């Protein structure tokens, strides 16, 4: 396995600057943010375009990566692919296809994204939306020898996302439905244990049960604020008590989780996803956060 990082937290740097820092600080791979150039995405850690897929210069990207001895673990674009607004949904799908095309051109095997959800609909209707939309996207990727890895974040952080969250693919029972609908080998998980931890879902068991669907892995930690849990209760679905942390600063057992990955035969990249509010606000703090994550994870990765 190799240690990588998702570049979205470093939006003020160029790809060249990110690659230089990463290679000098113990990282071997980049999961490169590929939102549409020009932004417009209001969500934290989104809207970053370290590769502009509409003006892709394959040679320039390869030169940057080769100069610093890095690989690209995945291209990253995480919109709501089931957005209830038809125009927003169409825009997301069009850009996702461009990211898939860029992955093919660059020789990158994995594109990370969200399934998304209309959070006003019940689960059964949301699954119907998925079955209507995602087979064509997965087929498009497969024809280009690219795999789509869906992240398991519920996207449930604020009052306007409650109670369903804005990403359908948050739990094993739902993954089974998604994979039954699309059994293709190029459709799988970008597994993030932090979102499992606060839901009381065993991350190690997820690795065992879905070993054949592990296409990519995120490293983000999670702290449960017990005072917040006391005040708000589990029916708040994490709001007020789920606290994203850098690996090593939360409650995920990284030794056990990574051991499960080894046992499952996973041999790709563990990509640090930095969403820790304690280490943001200026570039030095963000980079310090990535250093802390590297220190926590590197002893287990070889």
Protein backbone atom coordinates (compact mmCIF):
# COMPACT_ATOMS: atom_id res chain seq x y z
CA UNK A 1 0.00 0.00 0.00
CA UNK A 2 0.96 3.64 -0.41
CA UNK A 3 0.10 6.78 1.50
CA UNK A 4 -1.57 9.58 -0.44
CA UNK A 5 -3.60 12.72 0.12
CA UNK A 6 -6.69 14.32 -1.36
CA UNK A 7 -5.64 17.71 -2.70
CA UNK A 8 -8.96 19.50 -2.00
CA UNK A 9 -7.75 21.03 1.30
CA UNK A 10 -4.88 22.72 -0.56
CA UNK A 11 -6.89 24.80 -2.99
CA UNK A 12 -4.63 27.83 -2.69
CA UNK A 13 -1.69 25.85 -4.09
CA UNK A 14 -1.05 24.75 -7.66
CA UNK A 15 -0.74 21.07 -8.53
CA UNK A 16 3.01 21.58 -8.88
CA UNK A 17 3.23 23.07 -5.37
CA UNK A 18 1.09 20.31 -3.86
CA UNK A 19 3.19 17.62 -5.55
CA UNK A 20 6.46 19.18 -4.40
CA UNK A 21 5.31 19.41 -0.78
CA UNK A 22 3.80 15.93 -0.75
CA UNK A 23 6.90 14.25 -2.19
CA UNK A 24 9.12 16.00 0.35
CA UNK A 25 6.90 15.03 3.27
CA UNK A 26 6.38 11.31 3.00
CA UNK A 27 3.49 11.02 0.55
CA UNK A 28 3.62 8.76 -2.50
CA UNK A 29 0.32 9.54 -4.25
CA UNK A 30 -2.23 12.27 -4.89
CA UNK A 31 -5.99 12.00 -5.21
CA UNK A 32 -6.44 15.07 -7.38
CA UNK A 33 -9.44 17.40 -7.00
CA UNK A 34 -11.15 18.00 -10.36
CA UNK A 35 -14.17 20.22 -9.74
CA UNK A 36 -15.12 22.55 -12.59
CA UNK A 37 -12.62 25.37 -12.95
CA UNK A 38 -14.03 28.65 -11.72
CA UNK A 39 -15.62 27.21 -8.60
CA UNK A 40 -19.22 27.80 -7.74
CA UNK A 41 -19.27 24.96 -5.22
CA UNK A 42 -20.13 26.31 -1.77
CA UNK A 43 -19.35 23.18 0.27
CA UNK A 44 -16.21 23.09 2.40
CA UNK A 45 -13.27 21.33 0.72
CA UNK A 46 -15.05 21.35 -2.64
CA UNK A 47 -14.81 23.49 -5.74
CA UNK A 48 -11.06 22.91 -6.04
CA UNK A 49 -9.64 22.29 -9.51
CA UNK A 50 -6.05 21.07 -9.45
CA UNK A 51 -6.67 19.56 -12.88
CA UNK A 52 -8.94 21.48 -15.24
CA UNK A 53 -10.42 18.56 -17.15
CA UNK A 54 -11.94 20.85 -19.79
CA UNK A 55 -8.46 22.07 -20.74
CA UNK A 56 -6.50 18.95 -19.91
CA UNK A 57 -2.81 18.98 -20.69
CA UNK A 58 -1.86 15.34 -20.22
CA UNK A 59 1.84 15.95 -20.73
CA UNK A 60 1.97 18.75 -18.18
CA UNK A 61 0.25 16.65 -15.51
CA UNK A 62 2.58 13.70 -16.13
CA UNK A 63 5.62 15.96 -15.99
CA UNK A 64 4.58 17.29 -12.57
CA UNK A 65 3.92 13.85 -11.14
CA UNK A 66 7.03 12.26 -12.64
CA UNK A 67 9.26 15.11 -11.47
CA UNK A 68 8.24 14.41 -7.88
CA UNK A 69 8.00 10.62 -8.06
CA UNK A 70 4.27 10.53 -7.32
CA UNK A 71 1.37 8.52 -8.69
CA UNK A 72 -2.24 9.60 -9.12
CA UNK A 73 -4.45 7.33 -7.00
CA UNK A 74 -7.73 8.80 -8.29
CA UNK A 75 -9.35 11.85 -9.78
CA UNK A 76 -11.85 13.38 -7.35
CA UNK A 77 -15.20 15.01 -8.04
CA UNK A 78 -17.87 14.69 -5.36
CA UNK A 79 -21.15 16.38 -6.41
CA UNK A 80 -24.73 15.31 -5.77
CA UNK A 81 -25.28 13.04 -8.77
CA UNK A 82 -28.95 12.61 -7.79
CA UNK A 83 -29.64 16.30 -7.25
CA UNK A 84 -33.41 16.99 -7.40
CA UNK A 85 -32.74 20.04 -9.60
CA UNK A 86 -32.60 18.63 -13.16
CA UNK A 87 -30.19 21.32 -14.32
CA UNK A 88 -27.77 20.74 -11.42
CA UNK A 89 -27.96 16.98 -11.96
CA UNK A 90 -27.23 17.28 -15.67
CA UNK A 91 -24.31 19.60 -14.94
CA UNK A 92 -22.85 17.12 -12.44
CA UNK A 93 -23.17 14.21 -14.85
CA UNK A 94 -21.61 16.13 -17.72
CA UNK A 95 -18.63 17.12 -15.62
CA UNK A 96 -18.28 13.63 -14.15
CA UNK A 97 -18.03 12.26 -17.69
CA UNK A 98 -15.30 14.80 -18.43
CA UNK A 99 -13.42 13.65 -15.30
CA UNK A 100 -13.77 10.05 -16.47
CA UNK A 101 -12.40 11.05 -19.89
CA UNK A 102 -9.48 12.79 -18.17
CA UNK A 103 -8.77 9.69 -16.10
CA UNK A 104 -8.61 7.60 -19.25
CA UNK A 105 -6.28 10.09 -20.93
CA UNK A 106 -3.99 10.18 -17.90
CA UNK A 107 -4.00 6.41 -17.37
CA UNK A 108 -5.73 6.75 -13.99
CA UNK A 109 -7.88 3.80 -13.04
CA UNK A 110 -10.22 5.35 -10.41
CA UNK A 111 -12.59 8.31 -10.26
CA UNK A 112 -14.02 9.09 -6.82
CA UNK A 113 -17.51 10.57 -6.53
CA UNK A 114 -20.77 10.56 -4.56
CA UNK A 115 -23.97 8.79 -5.48
CA UNK A 116 -25.87 11.75 -4.03
CA UNK A 117 -29.55 11.87 -3.09
CA UNK A 118 -32.74 13.87 -3.08
CA UNK A 119 -32.88 13.97 0.72
CA UNK A 120 -36.62 14.68 0.73
CA UNK A 121 -37.38 11.22 -0.69
CA UNK A 122 -37.58 7.98 1.31
CA UNK A 123 -34.96 5.30 0.84
CA UNK A 124 -36.92 3.16 -1.65
CA UNK A 125 -37.49 6.11 -3.99
CA UNK A 126 -33.86 7.15 -3.66
CA UNK A 127 -32.78 3.67 -4.72
CA UNK A 128 -35.09 3.93 -7.73
CA UNK A 129 -33.37 7.21 -8.65
CA UNK A 130 -30.01 5.47 -8.42
CA UNK A 131 -31.14 2.58 -10.63
CA UNK A 132 -32.36 5.05 -13.24
CA UNK A 133 -29.20 7.16 -13.28
CA UNK A 134 -26.05 5.29 -12.35
CA UNK A 135 -25.91 2.33 -14.77
CA UNK A 136 -25.23 4.68 -17.69
CA UNK A 137 -22.49 6.50 -15.76
CA UNK A 138 -20.81 3.23 -14.76
CA UNK A 139 -21.13 1.92 -18.32
CA UNK A 140 -19.55 5.12 -19.65
CA UNK A 141 -16.63 4.66 -17.27
CA UNK A 142 -16.24 0.96 -18.02
CA UNK A 143 -16.00 1.61 -21.75
CA UNK A 144 -12.98 3.78 -20.92
CA UNK A 145 -11.38 1.30 -18.51
CA UNK A 146 -12.14 3.56 -15.55
CA UNK A 147 -13.71 2.54 -12.25
CA UNK A 148 -16.16 4.67 -10.25
CA UNK A 149 -15.52 4.59 -6.49
CA UNK A 150 -18.37 5.98 -4.41
CA UNK A 151 -17.62 7.44 -0.99
CA UNK A 152 -19.77 6.46 2.02
CA UNK A 153 -20.13 9.93 3.56
CA UNK A 154 -23.83 10.58 4.39
CA UNK A 155 -23.36 14.29 3.59
CA UNK A 156 -25.29 15.20 6.70
CA UNK A 157 -23.80 18.25 8.36
CA UNK A 158 -26.52 20.91 8.53
CA UNK A 159 -30.21 21.39 9.12
CA UNK A 160 -31.13 21.52 5.43
CA UNK A 161 -29.71 18.01 4.90
CA UNK A 162 -31.64 16.31 7.71
CA UNK A 163 -32.95 13.61 8.02
CA UNK A 164 -31.80 11.78 4.88
CA UNK A 165 -28.49 13.41 4.13
CA UNK A 166 -27.42 14.19 0.57
CA UNK A 167 -25.59 10.95 -0.18
CA UNK A 168 -27.45 7.68 -0.38
CA UNK A 169 -24.48 5.34 -0.03
CA UNK A 170 -23.83 5.51 3.71
CA UNK A 171 -24.39 1.96 5.04
CA UNK A 172 -23.77 -1.70 4.14
CA UNK A 173 -27.43 -2.64 3.51
CA UNK A 174 -27.64 0.17 0.95
CA UNK A 175 -24.32 -0.78 -0.65
CA UNK A 176 -25.71 -4.27 -1.21
CA UNK A 177 -28.67 -2.77 -3.06
CA UNK A 178 -26.39 -0.59 -5.17
CA UNK A 179 -24.05 -3.43 -6.06
CA UNK A 180 -26.94 -5.76 -6.84
CA UNK A 181 -28.24 -3.15 -9.27
CA UNK A 182 -24.79 -2.66 -10.81
CA UNK A 183 -22.64 -5.80 -10.43
CA UNK A 184 -19.93 -4.39 -12.70
CA UNK A 185 -16.39 -4.78 -11.34
CA UNK A 186 -15.64 -1.13 -12.16
CA UNK A 187 -18.18 0.11 -9.58
CA UNK A 188 -17.17 0.01 -5.94
CA UNK A 189 -16.30 1.87 -2.76
CA UNK A 190 -14.01 4.67 -1.78
CA UNK A 191 -14.23 3.57 1.85
CA UNK A 192 -13.92 6.15 4.64
CA UNK A 193 -13.98 4.63 8.15
CA UNK A 194 -14.75 7.93 9.88
CA UNK A 195 -18.35 7.94 8.64
CA UNK A 196 -18.80 4.36 9.81
CA UNK A 197 -17.47 5.07 13.29
CA UNK A 198 -20.12 7.58 14.37
CA UNK A 199 -22.87 5.38 12.92
CA UNK A 200 -21.58 2.47 15.05
CA UNK A 201 -20.82 0.43 11.92
CA UNK A 202 -17.75 -1.81 12.26
CA UNK A 203 -15.17 -0.62 9.68
CA UNK A 204 -13.18 -3.85 9.84
CA UNK A 205 -16.24 -5.92 9.04
CA UNK A 206 -17.00 -3.59 6.12
CA UNK A 207 -13.54 -4.30 4.75
CA UNK A 208 -14.13 -8.06 5.09
CA UNK A 209 -17.64 -8.02 3.64
CA UNK A 210 -16.88 -5.72 0.72
CA UNK A 211 -13.28 -6.68 -0.04
CA UNK A 212 -14.07 -7.21 -3.71
CA UNK A 213 -15.56 -3.70 -3.94
CA UNK A 214 -12.69 -1.75 -2.37
CA UNK A 215 -11.37 0.50 -5.13
CA UNK A 216 -9.92 3.29 -2.99
CA UNK A 217 -9.67 4.19 0.71
CA UNK A 218 -9.94 7.53 2.50
CA UNK A 219 -8.16 8.21 5.77
CA UNK A 220 -10.15 10.57 7.93
CA UNK A 221 -10.66 10.19 11.67
CA UNK A 222 -13.72 10.86 13.80
CA UNK A 223 -14.27 12.06 17.34
CA UNK A 224 -17.63 11.69 19.05
CA UNK A 225 -18.32 14.72 21.24
CA UNK A 226 -20.00 13.02 24.22
CA UNK A 227 -21.43 16.29 25.53
CA UNK A 228 -22.94 16.97 22.11
CA UNK A 229 -24.30 13.43 21.96
CA UNK A 230 -25.85 13.91 25.39
CA UNK A 231 -27.49 17.17 24.31
CA UNK A 232 -28.73 16.11 20.88
CA UNK A 233 -29.04 12.31 20.98
CA UNK A 234 -28.61 9.80 18.18
CA UNK A 235 -31.81 10.95 16.45
CA UNK A 236 -29.97 14.12 15.43
CA UNK A 237 -28.02 11.85 13.05
CA UNK A 238 -24.63 13.11 14.15
CA UNK A 239 -25.36 16.81 14.05
CA UNK A 240 -23.83 18.43 17.11
CA UNK A 241 -21.56 15.54 17.99
CA UNK A 242 -19.72 14.08 14.97
CA UNK A 243 -16.34 15.85 14.76
CA UNK A 244 -14.04 15.06 11.79
CA UNK A 245 -10.40 14.76 12.84
CA UNK A 246 -7.07 14.04 11.24
CA UNK A 247 -5.91 10.43 11.41
CA UNK A 248 -4.48 9.80 14.86
CA UNK A 249 -6.51 12.55 16.56
CA UNK A 250 -9.82 10.72 16.70
CA UNK A 251 -11.19 7.33 17.70
CA UNK A 252 -10.61 5.13 14.63
CA UNK A 253 -8.25 2.21 15.31
CA UNK A 254 -5.97 2.68 12.34
CA UNK A 255 -3.81 -0.31 13.22
CA UNK A 256 -6.85 -2.62 13.13
CA UNK A 257 -8.42 -0.97 10.08
CA UNK A 258 -5.23 -1.16 8.04
CA UNK A 259 -4.65 -4.73 9.23
CA UNK A 260 -8.10 -5.56 7.83
CA UNK A 261 -7.12 -3.97 4.52
CA UNK A 262 -3.99 -6.14 4.36
CA UNK A 263 -6.03 -9.26 5.11
CA UNK A 264 -8.52 -8.32 2.40
CA UNK A 265 -5.73 -8.00 -0.15
CA UNK A 266 -6.13 -4.26 -0.66
CA UNK A 267 -2.93 -2.95 -2.22
CA UNK A 268 -3.73 0.51 -3.52
CA UNK A 269 -3.57 3.92 -1.78
CA UNK A 270 -4.82 5.19 1.56
CA UNK A 271 -5.62 8.83 0.84
CA UNK A 272 -5.70 11.34 3.70
CA UNK A 273 -8.83 13.51 3.53
CA UNK A 274 -8.24 16.62 5.63
CA UNK A 275 -11.46 18.05 7.12
CA UNK A 276 -10.23 18.91 10.61
CA UNK A 277 -11.34 22.42 11.63
CA UNK A 278 -8.55 22.54 14.21
CA UNK A 279 -6.01 22.60 11.39
CA UNK A 280 -7.45 25.03 8.88
CA UNK A 281 -7.48 28.78 8.49
CA UNK A 282 -4.02 29.18 7.05
CA UNK A 283 -1.77 27.08 4.85
CA UNK A 284 0.78 26.32 7.57
CA UNK A 285 -1.92 24.76 9.76
CA UNK A 286 -3.30 22.67 6.90
CA UNK A 287 0.15 21.35 6.05
CA UNK A 288 0.83 20.64 9.71
CA UNK A 289 -2.36 18.57 9.69
CA UNK A 290 -1.11 16.49 6.78
CA UNK A 291 2.16 15.97 8.67
CA UNK A 292 0.24 14.69 11.71
CA UNK A 293 -1.76 12.32 9.52
CA UNK A 294 1.41 11.00 7.89
CA UNK A 295 2.97 10.39 11.28
CA UNK A 296 -0.07 8.43 12.44
CA UNK A 297 -0.46 6.26 9.34
CA UNK A 298 3.02 5.76 7.92
CA UNK A 299 4.13 3.10 10.48
CA UNK A 300 1.43 0.75 9.15
CA UNK A 301 1.91 1.27 5.41
CA UNK A 302 4.48 -0.59 3.36
